[in-house]
Amino acid sequence: MRLMFLGTAAAEGVPAVFCNCKTCLNAKQKGGKDVRTRSQILIDDDTLFDFPMDTYMHMLRYGLDLSAVKRVLITHSHMDHCYPQEFCMRGGPFAKDMTVGKVEVYGNAKVCEMFISDTAREIRPVVKDGIELKALRPYDEIKSDDMRIIALPASHTVGEDCLVYYVERKGVGVLLLNDTGVLDKTVYIKLAEMNVNVRAAICDCTYGAIRHGAGRHMGLYDIVDQKSIMTHAGVLKDDALVIATHLSHNTDLDYNGISALAKDYNIVVAYDGMTVSI
């Protein structure tokens, strides 16, 4: 399984759109790995994890054929993870000679509701016919072609069944824990009972080296704790890859600084454009 980190930032990006803090000024000056766009992962060229407003820029930067994407997994309804208006362009006369005719869009009930309402004014019938919305609830398990998908409960927005995902292809599985706080061990115990093979865990690290605790996001040391819980629950093997992403400017550390700390815990810090094969 090939994972390409198209974007690795939280909602405001790094540098944040209106910010002049130390972290943002440093990112503007240095560029490179310290500049982060909104979080999105491309899996094997046919699956997108989240759909932020930066998707168009990701297509340009990496020369992607997004018409080849067969499925989109959306975590929740915040605009940096769900920007459905772009889908109004998925069909004639805005898109021609597409690689795949139909795309499946997965999310919770709120995501599906938002998708319909936000596209209602402009979406054309021919475009709408090529989009299949599929509502998921925590612990729903589905098969999409050769991909196994399990929706898991995130710890994020009160009043919305925010989701994170486990995806598996050819017996190799990845946990996508993006935009979530720490998860209770019962989630991992339940996941272990579902006979998974987690070879990589991609974890929210919004607060960098600041421990966030029982909140809506995680920091590096929260990931360290989750890594231990996952291991004891039988979900994560000792040789599995753990990657931190969804970072914000709410830390004084640049890419090199947070990477140096993460290395002590065998955690890799993602950057925009990073590709890994699992």
C-alpha atoms as a PDB file:
ATOM      1  CA  MET A   1       0.000   0.000   0.000  1.00  0.00           C
ATOM      2  CA  ARG A   2       1.365   3.391  -0.993  1.00  0.00           C
ATOM      3  CA  LEU A   3       0.527   6.478   1.056  1.00  0.00           C
ATOM      4  CA  MET A   4       1.212   9.986  -0.214  1.00  0.00           C
ATOM      5  CA  PHE A   5       0.779  12.801   2.281  1.00  0.00           C
ATOM      6  CA  LEU A   6      -0.626  15.568   0.095  1.00  0.00           C
ATOM      7  CA  GLY A   7      -1.130  17.892   3.065  1.00  0.00           C
ATOM      8  CA  THR A   8      -0.171  17.595   6.736  1.00  0.00           C
ATOM      9  CA  ALA A   9      -1.598  20.676   8.498  1.00  0.00           C
ATOM     10  CA  ALA A  10      -4.532  21.418  10.737  1.00  0.00           C
ATOM     11  CA  ALA A  11      -7.384  23.695   9.623  1.00  0.00           C
ATOM     12  CA  GLU A  12      -5.460  26.981   9.461  1.00  0.00           C
ATOM     13  CA  GLY A  13      -2.416  25.627   7.625  1.00  0.00           C
ATOM     14  CA  VAL A  14       1.216  26.392   8.437  1.00  0.00           C
ATOM     15  CA  PRO A  15       1.856  29.248   8.133  1.00  0.00           C
ATOM     16  CA  ALA A  16      -1.652  29.979   9.341  1.00  0.00           C
ATOM     17  CA  VAL A  17      -3.585  32.194   6.968  1.00  0.00           C
ATOM     18  CA  PHE A  18      -3.735  35.309   9.198  1.00  0.00           C
ATOM     19  CA  CYS A  19      -0.987  34.571  11.730  1.00  0.00           C
ATOM     20  CA  ASN A  20       2.339  36.206  12.581  1.00  0.00           C
ATOM     21  CA  CYS A  21       3.470  33.929  15.413  1.00  0.00           C
ATOM     22  CA  LYS A  22       7.055  32.644  15.584  1.00  0.00           C
ATOM     23  CA  THR A  23       6.176  29.308  13.969  1.00  0.00           C
ATOM     24  CA  CYS A  24       4.332  30.899  11.055  1.00  0.00           C
ATOM     25  CA  LEU A  25       6.980  33.554  10.385  1.00  0.00           C
ATOM     26  CA  ASN A  26       9.629  30.822  10.417  1.00  0.00           C
ATOM     27  CA  ALA A  27       7.624  28.740   7.934  1.00  0.00           C
ATOM     28  CA  LYS A  28       7.226  31.721   5.608  1.00  0.00           C
ATOM     29  CA  GLN A  29      10.949  32.364   5.706  1.00  0.00           C
ATOM     30  CA  LYS A  30      12.249  28.790   5.493  1.00  0.00           C
ATOM     31  CA  GLY A  31       9.599  27.135   3.343  1.00  0.00           C
ATOM     32  CA  GLY A  32      10.234  23.469   2.536  1.00  0.00           C
ATOM     33  CA  LYS A  33       8.984  20.961   5.097  1.00  0.00           C
ATOM     34  CA  ASP A  34       7.890  23.725   7.458  1.00  0.00           C
ATOM     35  CA  VAL A  35       5.079  24.770   5.089  1.00  0.00           C
ATOM     36  CA  ARG A  36       2.014  22.588   5.520  1.00  0.00           C
ATOM     37  CA  THR A  37      -1.277  22.550   3.610  1.00  0.00           C
ATOM     38  CA  ARG A  38      -4.499  21.064   4.970  1.00  0.00           C
ATOM     39  CA  SER A  39      -4.333  17.339   5.699  1.00  0.00           C
ATOM     40  CA  GLN A  40      -5.075  14.835   2.970  1.00  0.00           C
ATOM     41  CA  ILE A  41      -3.657  11.414   2.080  1.00  0.00           C
ATOM     42  CA  LEU A  42      -3.749   9.646  -1.271  1.00  0.00           C
ATOM     43  CA  ILE A  43      -3.758   5.852  -1.008  1.00  0.00           C
ATOM     44  CA  ASP A  44      -2.624   3.834  -4.049  1.00  0.00           C
ATOM     45  CA  ASP A  45      -3.783   6.580  -6.438  1.00  0.00           C
ATOM     46  CA  ASP A  46      -7.432   5.471  -6.099  1.00  0.00           C
ATOM     47  CA  THR A  47      -8.462   6.453  -2.557  1.00  0.00           C
ATOM     48  CA  LEU A  48      -8.461   9.852  -0.851  1.00  0.00           C
ATOM     49  CA  PHE A  49      -8.529  10.257   2.900  1.00  0.00           C
ATOM     50  CA  ASP A  50     -10.351  13.548   3.536  1.00  0.00           C
ATOM     51  CA  PHE A  51     -11.146  16.283   1.039  1.00  0.00           C
ATOM     52  CA  PRO A  52     -10.029  19.757   2.197  1.00  0.00           C
ATOM     53  CA  MET A  53     -10.201  23.060   0.345  1.00  0.00           C
ATOM     54  CA  ASP A  54      -6.553  22.558  -0.670  1.00  0.00           C
ATOM     55  CA  THR A  55      -7.378  19.533  -2.855  1.00  0.00           C
ATOM     56  CA  TYR A  56      -7.127  21.552  -6.074  1.00  0.00           C
ATOM     57  CA  MET A  57      -3.674  22.818  -5.094  1.00  0.00           C
ATOM     58  CA  HIS A  58      -2.605  19.271  -4.261  1.00  0.00           C
ATOM     59  CA  MET A  59      -3.672  18.170  -7.728  1.00  0.00           C
ATOM     60  CA  LEU A  60      -1.556  20.926  -9.272  1.00  0.00           C
ATOM     61  CA  ARG A  61       1.492  20.436  -7.064  1.00  0.00           C
ATOM     62  CA  TYR A  62       1.757  16.673  -7.550  1.00  0.00           C
ATOM     63  CA  GLY A  63       0.304  16.313 -11.041  1.00  0.00           C
ATOM     64  CA  LEU A  64      -2.488  14.019  -9.874  1.00  0.00           C
ATOM     65  CA  ASP A  65      -5.294  12.465 -11.875  1.00  0.00           C
ATOM     66  CA  LEU A  66      -8.052  12.908  -9.322  1.00  0.00           C
ATOM     67  CA  SER A  67     -10.595  11.522 -11.775  1.00  0.00           C
ATOM     68  CA  ALA A  68      -8.944   8.135 -11.089  1.00  0.00           C
ATOM     69  CA  VAL A  69     -10.018   8.259  -7.424  1.00  0.00           C
ATOM     70  CA  LYS A  70     -12.687   5.636  -6.762  1.00  0.00           C
ATOM     71  CA  ARG A  71     -13.457   6.439  -3.135  1.00  0.00           C
ATOM     72  CA  VAL A  72     -13.130   9.319  -0.678  1.00  0.00           C
ATOM     73  CA  LEU A  73     -13.133   8.699   3.084  1.00  0.00           C
ATOM     74  CA  ILE A  74     -14.220  11.769   5.041  1.00  0.00           C
ATOM     75  CA  THR A  75     -13.763  12.037   8.791  1.00  0.00           C
ATOM     76  CA  HIS A  76     -16.221  14.823   9.642  1.00  0.00           C
ATOM     77  CA  SER A  77     -17.938  17.945   8.374  1.00  0.00           C
ATOM     78  CA  HIS A  78     -15.334  20.650   9.127  1.00  0.00           C
ATOM     79  CA  MET A  79     -14.271  22.428   5.945  1.00  0.00           C
ATOM     80  CA  ASP A  80     -10.607  21.384   6.169  1.00  0.00           C
ATOM     81  CA  HIS A  81     -11.772  17.771   5.872  1.00  0.00           C
ATOM     82  CA  CYS A  82     -14.960  18.115   3.855  1.00  0.00           C
ATOM     83  CA  TYR A  83     -15.182  20.653   1.036  1.00  0.00           C
ATOM     84  CA  PRO A  84     -17.906  19.194  -1.191  1.00  0.00           C
ATOM     85  CA  GLN A  85     -18.331  22.195  -3.503  1.00  0.00           C
ATOM     86  CA  GLU A  86     -15.358  20.987  -5.557  1.00  0.00           C
ATOM     87  CA  PHE A  87     -17.344  17.909  -6.547  1.00  0.00           C
ATOM     88  CA  CYS A  88     -19.654  20.126  -8.622  1.00  0.00           C
ATOM     89  CA  MET A  89     -16.822  20.151 -11.195  1.00  0.00           C
ATOM     90  CA  ARG A  90     -16.686  16.339 -11.496  1.00  0.00           C
ATOM     91  CA  GLY A  91     -18.363  15.947 -14.866  1.00  0.00           C
ATOM     92  CA  GLY A  92     -19.249  17.733 -18.080  1.00  0.00           C
ATOM     93  CA  PRO A  93     -18.667  20.398 -19.119  1.00  0.00           C
ATOM     94  CA  PHE A  94     -16.141  20.964 -16.303  1.00  0.00           C
ATOM     95  CA  ALA A  95     -14.351  17.606 -16.589  1.00  0.00           C
ATOM     96  CA  LYS A  96     -13.857  15.520 -19.726  1.00  0.00           C
ATOM     97  CA  ASP A  97     -12.254  12.138 -20.410  1.00  0.00           C
ATOM     98  CA  MET A  98     -12.310  11.140 -16.753  1.00  0.00           C
ATOM     99  CA  THR A  99     -10.528   7.920 -15.823  1.00  0.00           C
ATOM    100  CA  VAL A 100     -13.297   6.631 -13.524  1.00  0.00           C
ATOM    101  CA  GLY A 101     -16.955   7.419 -14.070  1.00  0.00           C
ATOM    102  CA  LYS A 102     -18.249   7.065 -10.523  1.00  0.00           C
ATOM    103  CA  VAL A 103     -16.746   7.955  -7.143  1.00  0.00           C
ATOM    104  CA  GLU A 104     -17.908   6.688  -3.728  1.00  0.00           C
ATOM    105  CA  VAL A 105     -17.920   9.285  -0.931  1.00  0.00           C
ATOM    106  CA  TYR A 106     -18.002   7.876   2.611  1.00  0.00           C
ATOM    107  CA  GLY A 107     -18.741   9.796   5.782  1.00  0.00           C
ATOM    108  CA  ASN A 108     -21.100  10.112   8.709  1.00  0.00           C
ATOM    109  CA  ALA A 109     -24.685  11.327   8.399  1.00  0.00           C
ATOM    110  CA  LYS A 110     -23.658  14.957   8.938  1.00  0.00           C
ATOM    111  CA  VAL A 111     -21.092  14.737   6.129  1.00  0.00           C
ATOM    112  CA  CYS A 112     -23.717  13.329   3.747  1.00  0.00           C
ATOM    113  CA  GLU A 113     -26.210  16.023   4.765  1.00  0.00           C
ATOM    114  CA  MET A 114     -23.601  18.745   4.297  1.00  0.00           C
ATOM    115  CA  PHE A 115     -22.513  17.320   0.945  1.00  0.00           C
ATOM    116  CA  ILE A 116     -26.053  17.476  -0.401  1.00  0.00           C
ATOM    117  CA  SER A 117     -26.846  20.953   0.934  1.00  0.00           C
ATOM    118  CA  ASP A 118     -23.539  22.574  -0.075  1.00  0.00           C
ATOM    119  CA  THR A 119     -23.677  21.270  -3.644  1.00  0.00           C
ATOM    120  CA  ALA A 120     -27.431  21.618  -4.213  1.00  0.00           C
ATOM    121  CA  ARG A 121     -27.312  25.055  -5.861  1.00  0.00           C
ATOM    122  CA  GLU A 122     -24.712  24.252  -8.532  1.00  0.00           C
ATOM    123  CA  ILE A 123     -24.382  20.522  -9.062  1.00  0.00           C
ATOM    124  CA  ARG A 124     -25.652  19.280 -12.429  1.00  0.00           C
ATOM    125  CA  PRO A 125     -27.627  16.030 -12.765  1.00  0.00           C
ATOM    126  CA  VAL A 126     -24.919  14.439 -14.921  1.00  0.00           C
ATOM    127  CA  VAL A 127     -22.355  15.197 -12.215  1.00  0.00           C
ATOM    128  CA  LYS A 128     -24.612  14.084  -9.374  1.00  0.00           C
ATOM    129  CA  ASP A 129     -25.156  10.723 -11.073  1.00  0.00           C
ATOM    130  CA  GLY A 130     -21.434  10.025 -10.856  1.00  0.00           C
ATOM    131  CA  ILE A 131     -21.239  10.477  -7.059  1.00  0.00           C
ATOM    132  CA  GLU A 132     -22.430   7.807  -4.655  1.00  0.00           C
ATOM    133  CA  LEU A 133     -22.825   8.997  -1.066  1.00  0.00           C
ATOM    134  CA  LYS A 134     -22.518   6.305   1.593  1.00  0.00           C
ATOM    135  CA  ALA A 135     -23.267   7.077   5.246  1.00  0.00           C
ATOM    136  CA  LEU A 136     -21.279   5.157   7.848  1.00  0.00           C
ATOM    137  CA  ARG A 137     -21.548   4.727  11.588  1.00  0.00           C
ATOM    138  CA  PRO A 138     -18.844   3.643  14.032  1.00  0.00           C
ATOM    139  CA  TYR A 139     -17.768   0.010  13.494  1.00  0.00           C
ATOM    140  CA  ASP A 140     -19.469  -0.288  10.116  1.00  0.00           C
ATOM    141  CA  GLU A 141     -17.367  -2.532   7.888  1.00  0.00           C
ATOM    142  CA  ILE A 142     -17.602  -2.531   4.108  1.00  0.00           C
ATOM    143  CA  LYS A 143     -15.801  -3.832   1.031  1.00  0.00           C
ATOM    144  CA  SER A 144     -15.100  -1.516  -1.879  1.00  0.00           C
ATOM    145  CA  ASP A 145     -13.490  -3.495  -4.699  1.00  0.00           C
ATOM    146  CA  ASP A 146     -10.415  -5.019  -3.033  1.00  0.00           C
ATOM    147  CA  MET A 147     -10.328  -2.554  -0.123  1.00  0.00           C
ATOM    148  CA  ARG A 148     -11.655  -3.383   3.336  1.00  0.00           C
ATOM    149  CA  ILE A 149     -12.834  -0.303   5.242  1.00  0.00           C
ATOM    150  CA  ILE A 150     -13.802  -0.082   8.920  1.00  0.00           C
ATOM    151  CA  ALA A 151     -15.232   3.160  10.341  1.00  0.00           C
ATOM    152  CA  LEU A 152     -14.170   3.889  13.919  1.00  0.00           C
ATOM    153  CA  PRO A 153     -15.429   6.467  16.431  1.00  0.00           C
ATOM    154  CA  ALA A 154     -13.235   9.554  16.685  1.00  0.00           C
ATOM    155  CA  SER A 155     -13.021  11.820  19.714  1.00  0.00           C
ATOM    156  CA  HIS A 156     -13.599  15.223  18.189  1.00  0.00           C
ATOM    157  CA  THR A 157     -16.762  17.309  17.672  1.00  0.00           C
ATOM    158  CA  VAL A 158     -19.543  16.974  20.234  1.00  0.00           C
ATOM    159  CA  GLY A 159     -22.851  16.219  18.545  1.00  0.00           C
ATOM    160  CA  GLU A 160     -21.350  14.622  15.445  1.00  0.00           C
ATOM    161  CA  ASP A 161     -20.313  10.993  14.970  1.00  0.00           C
ATOM    162  CA  CYS A 162     -16.861  11.920  13.719  1.00  0.00           C
ATOM    163  CA  LEU A 163     -14.985   9.002  12.222  1.00  0.00           C
ATOM    164  CA  VAL A 164     -11.485   7.693  11.771  1.00  0.00           C
ATOM    165  CA  TYR A 165     -10.751   4.705   9.560  1.00  0.00           C
ATOM    166  CA  TYR A 166      -8.959   1.412   9.180  1.00  0.00           C
ATOM    167  CA  VAL A 167      -8.254   0.487   5.563  1.00  0.00           C
ATOM    168  CA  GLU A 168      -6.810  -2.789   4.351  1.00  0.00           C
ATOM    169  CA  ARG A 169      -5.656  -4.057   0.983  1.00  0.00           C
ATOM    170  CA  LYS A 170      -4.040  -7.444   0.247  1.00  0.00           C
ATOM    171  CA  GLY A 171      -3.886  -8.156   3.967  1.00  0.00           C
ATOM    172  CA  VAL A 172      -1.986  -4.945   4.788  1.00  0.00           C
ATOM    173  CA  GLY A 173      -3.829  -2.460   7.008  1.00  0.00           C
ATOM    174  CA  VAL A 174      -3.419   1.186   7.974  1.00  0.00           C
ATOM    175  CA  LEU A 175      -5.073   3.100  10.815  1.00  0.00           C
ATOM    176  CA  LEU A 176      -6.002   6.655   9.833  1.00  0.00           C
ATOM    177  CA  LEU A 177      -6.421   8.553  13.109  1.00  0.00           C
ATOM    178  CA  ASN A 178      -6.650  12.072  11.760  1.00  0.00           C
ATOM    179  CA  ASP A 179      -8.346  14.968  13.574  1.00  0.00           C
ATOM    180  CA  THR A 180      -9.137  13.098  16.747  1.00  0.00           C
ATOM    181  CA  GLY A 181      -8.217  13.213  20.385  1.00  0.00           C
ATOM    182  CA  VAL A 182      -7.081  10.167  22.308  1.00  0.00           C
ATOM    183  CA  LEU A 183      -9.224   7.081  21.865  1.00  0.00           C
ATOM    184  CA  ASP A 184     -10.336   4.816  24.671  1.00  0.00           C
ATOM    185  CA  LYS A 185      -8.708   1.388  24.793  1.00  0.00           C
ATOM    186  CA  THR A 186     -12.110  -0.199  24.130  1.00  0.00           C
ATOM    187  CA  VAL A 187     -11.926   1.106  20.534  1.00  0.00           C
ATOM    188  CA  TYR A 188      -8.678  -0.753  19.965  1.00  0.00           C
ATOM    189  CA  ILE A 189      -9.933  -3.880  21.722  1.00  0.00           C
ATOM    190  CA  LYS A 190     -12.981  -3.900  19.450  1.00  0.00           C
ATOM    191  CA  LEU A 191     -10.741  -3.357  16.429  1.00  0.00           C
ATOM    192  CA  ALA A 192      -8.491  -6.251  17.442  1.00  0.00           C
ATOM    193  CA  GLU A 193     -11.564  -8.486  17.609  1.00  0.00           C
ATOM    194  CA  MET A 194     -12.232  -7.619  13.962  1.00  0.00           C
ATOM    195  CA  ASN A 195      -9.060  -9.415  12.880  1.00  0.00           C
ATOM    196  CA  VAL A 196      -7.049  -6.497  11.543  1.00  0.00           C
ATOM    197  CA  ASN A 197      -3.410  -6.282  10.488  1.00  0.00           C
ATOM    198  CA  VAL A 198      -2.206  -2.751  11.267  1.00  0.00           C
ATOM    199  CA  ARG A 199       1.147  -2.117   9.608  1.00  0.00           C
ATOM    200  CA  ALA A 200       1.000   1.649  10.060  1.00  0.00           C
ATOM    201  CA  ALA A 201      -0.851   4.104  12.300  1.00  0.00           C
ATOM    202  CA  ILE A 202      -1.233   7.693  11.074  1.00  0.00           C
ATOM    203  CA  CYS A 203      -1.955   9.902  14.078  1.00  0.00           C
ATOM    204  CA  ASP A 204      -3.181  13.430  14.742  1.00  0.00           C
ATOM    205  CA  CYS A 205      -0.416  15.650  16.167  1.00  0.00           C
ATOM    206  CA  THR A 206      -2.080  19.057  16.139  1.00  0.00           C
ATOM    207  CA  TYR A 207      -0.330  20.235  19.295  1.00  0.00           C
ATOM    208  CA  GLY A 208       3.168  19.119  18.400  1.00  0.00           C
ATOM    209  CA  ALA A 209       5.260  18.581  21.537  1.00  0.00           C
ATOM    210  CA  ILE A 210       2.451  19.825  23.812  1.00  0.00           C
ATOM    211  CA  ARG A 211       0.475  17.072  25.537  1.00  0.00           C
ATOM    212  CA  HIS A 212      -3.197  17.725  24.859  1.00  0.00           C
ATOM    213  CA  GLY A 213      -4.791  15.023  27.002  1.00  0.00           C
ATOM    214  CA  ALA A 214      -8.517  14.345  26.773  1.00  0.00           C
ATOM    215  CA  GLY A 215      -9.348  16.907  24.101  1.00  0.00           C
ATOM    216  CA  ARG A 216     -10.287  17.098  20.428  1.00  0.00           C
ATOM    217  CA  HIS A 217      -6.740  16.580  19.161  1.00  0.00           C
ATOM    218  CA  MET A 218      -3.425  14.993  20.120  1.00  0.00           C
ATOM    219  CA  GLY A 219       0.182  16.009  20.562  1.00  0.00           C
ATOM    220  CA  LEU A 220       3.330  13.910  20.265  1.00  0.00           C
ATOM    221  CA  TYR A 221       3.169  12.539  23.808  1.00  0.00           C
ATOM    222  CA  ASP A 222      -0.482  11.638  23.398  1.00  0.00           C
ATOM    223  CA  ILE A 223       0.582   9.586  20.364  1.00  0.00           C
ATOM    224  CA  VAL A 224       3.204   7.873  22.519  1.00  0.00           C
ATOM    225  CA  ASP A 225       0.463   6.917  24.988  1.00  0.00           C
ATOM    226  CA  GLN A 226      -1.869   5.734  22.198  1.00  0.00           C
ATOM    227  CA  LYS A 227       0.930   3.676  20.689  1.00  0.00           C
ATOM    228  CA  SER A 228       1.302   1.829  23.995  1.00  0.00           C
ATOM    229  CA  ILE A 229      -2.464   1.291  24.312  1.00  0.00           C
ATOM    230  CA  MET A 230      -2.699  -0.019  20.742  1.00  0.00           C
ATOM    231  CA  THR A 231       0.175  -2.412  21.369  1.00  0.00           C
ATOM    232  CA  HIS A 232      -1.328  -3.800  24.585  1.00  0.00           C
ATOM    233  CA  ALA A 233      -4.714  -4.201  22.870  1.00  0.00           C
ATOM    234  CA  GLY A 234      -3.068  -6.395  20.244  1.00  0.00           C
ATOM    235  CA  VAL A 235      -3.692  -3.957  17.387  1.00  0.00           C
ATOM    236  CA  LEU A 236      -0.183  -2.624  16.807  1.00  0.00           C
ATOM    237  CA  LYS A 237       2.876  -4.811  16.330  1.00  0.00           C
ATOM    238  CA  ASP A 238       6.270  -3.635  17.553  1.00  0.00           C
ATOM    239  CA  ASP A 239       7.567  -3.181  14.008  1.00  0.00           C
ATOM    240  CA  ALA A 240       4.566  -1.180  12.768  1.00  0.00           C
ATOM    241  CA  LEU A 241       5.170   2.323  11.433  1.00  0.00           C
ATOM    242  CA  VAL A 242       3.740   5.233  13.442  1.00  0.00           C
ATOM    243  CA  ILE A 243       3.453   8.585  11.659  1.00  0.00           C
ATOM    244  CA  ALA A 244       2.443  11.968  13.092  1.00  0.00           C
ATOM    245  CA  THR A 245       0.490  14.367  10.874  1.00  0.00           C
ATOM    246  CA  HIS A 246      -2.154  17.147  11.067  1.00  0.00           C
ATOM    247  CA  LEU A 247       0.256  19.560  12.779  1.00  0.00           C
ATOM    248  CA  SER A 248      -0.589  23.165  13.569  1.00  0.00           C
ATOM    249  CA  HIS A 249       1.362  26.297  14.479  1.00  0.00           C
ATOM    250  CA  ASN A 250       0.535  25.767  18.167  1.00  0.00           C
ATOM    251  CA  THR A 251       4.104  24.787  19.034  1.00  0.00           C
ATOM    252  CA  ASP A 252       7.414  26.630  18.787  1.00  0.00           C
ATOM    253  CA  LEU A 253       9.086  23.664  17.080  1.00  0.00           C
ATOM    254  CA  ASP A 254       9.802  23.527  13.368  1.00  0.00           C
ATOM    255  CA  TYR A 255       9.915  20.288  11.353  1.00  0.00           C
ATOM    256  CA  ASN A 256      13.453  19.443  12.458  1.00  0.00           C
ATOM    257  CA  GLY A 257      12.653  20.164  16.093  1.00  0.00           C
ATOM    258  CA  ILE A 258       9.546  17.992  16.348  1.00  0.00           C
ATOM    259  CA  SER A 259      11.206  15.251  14.279  1.00  0.00           C
ATOM    260  CA  ALA A 260      14.145  15.091  16.679  1.00  0.00           C
ATOM    261  CA  LEU A 261      11.803  14.558  19.636  1.00  0.00           C
ATOM    262  CA  ALA A 262       9.644  12.043  17.778  1.00  0.00           C
ATOM    263  CA  LYS A 263      12.674   9.969  16.763  1.00  0.00           C
ATOM    264  CA  ASP A 264      13.244   9.005  20.411  1.00  0.00           C
ATOM    265  CA  TYR A 265       9.862   7.232  20.327  1.00  0.00           C
ATOM    266  CA  ASN A 266      10.281   5.719  16.860  1.00  0.00           C
ATOM    267  CA  ILE A 267       7.642   8.052  15.421  1.00  0.00           C
ATOM    268  CA  VAL A 268       7.996   9.603  11.971  1.00  0.00           C
ATOM    269  CA  VAL A 269       6.770  13.169  11.413  1.00  0.00           C
ATOM    270  CA  ALA A 270       5.046  13.595   8.059  1.00  0.00           C
ATOM    271  CA  TYR A 271       5.572  16.514   5.706  1.00  0.00           C
ATOM    272  CA  ASP A 272       3.741  17.606   2.557  1.00  0.00           C
ATOM    273  CA  GLY A 273       4.707  15.332  -0.317  1.00  0.00           C
ATOM    274  CA  MET A 274       6.072  12.515   1.840  1.00  0.00           C
ATOM    275  CA  THR A 275       5.425   9.046   0.387  1.00  0.00           C
ATOM    276  CA  VAL A 276       5.678   5.738   2.217  1.00  0.00           C
ATOM    277  CA  SER A 277       5.040   2.166   1.128  1.00  0.00           C
ATOM    278  CA  ILE A 278       3.545  -0.233   3.657  1.00  0.00           C
END
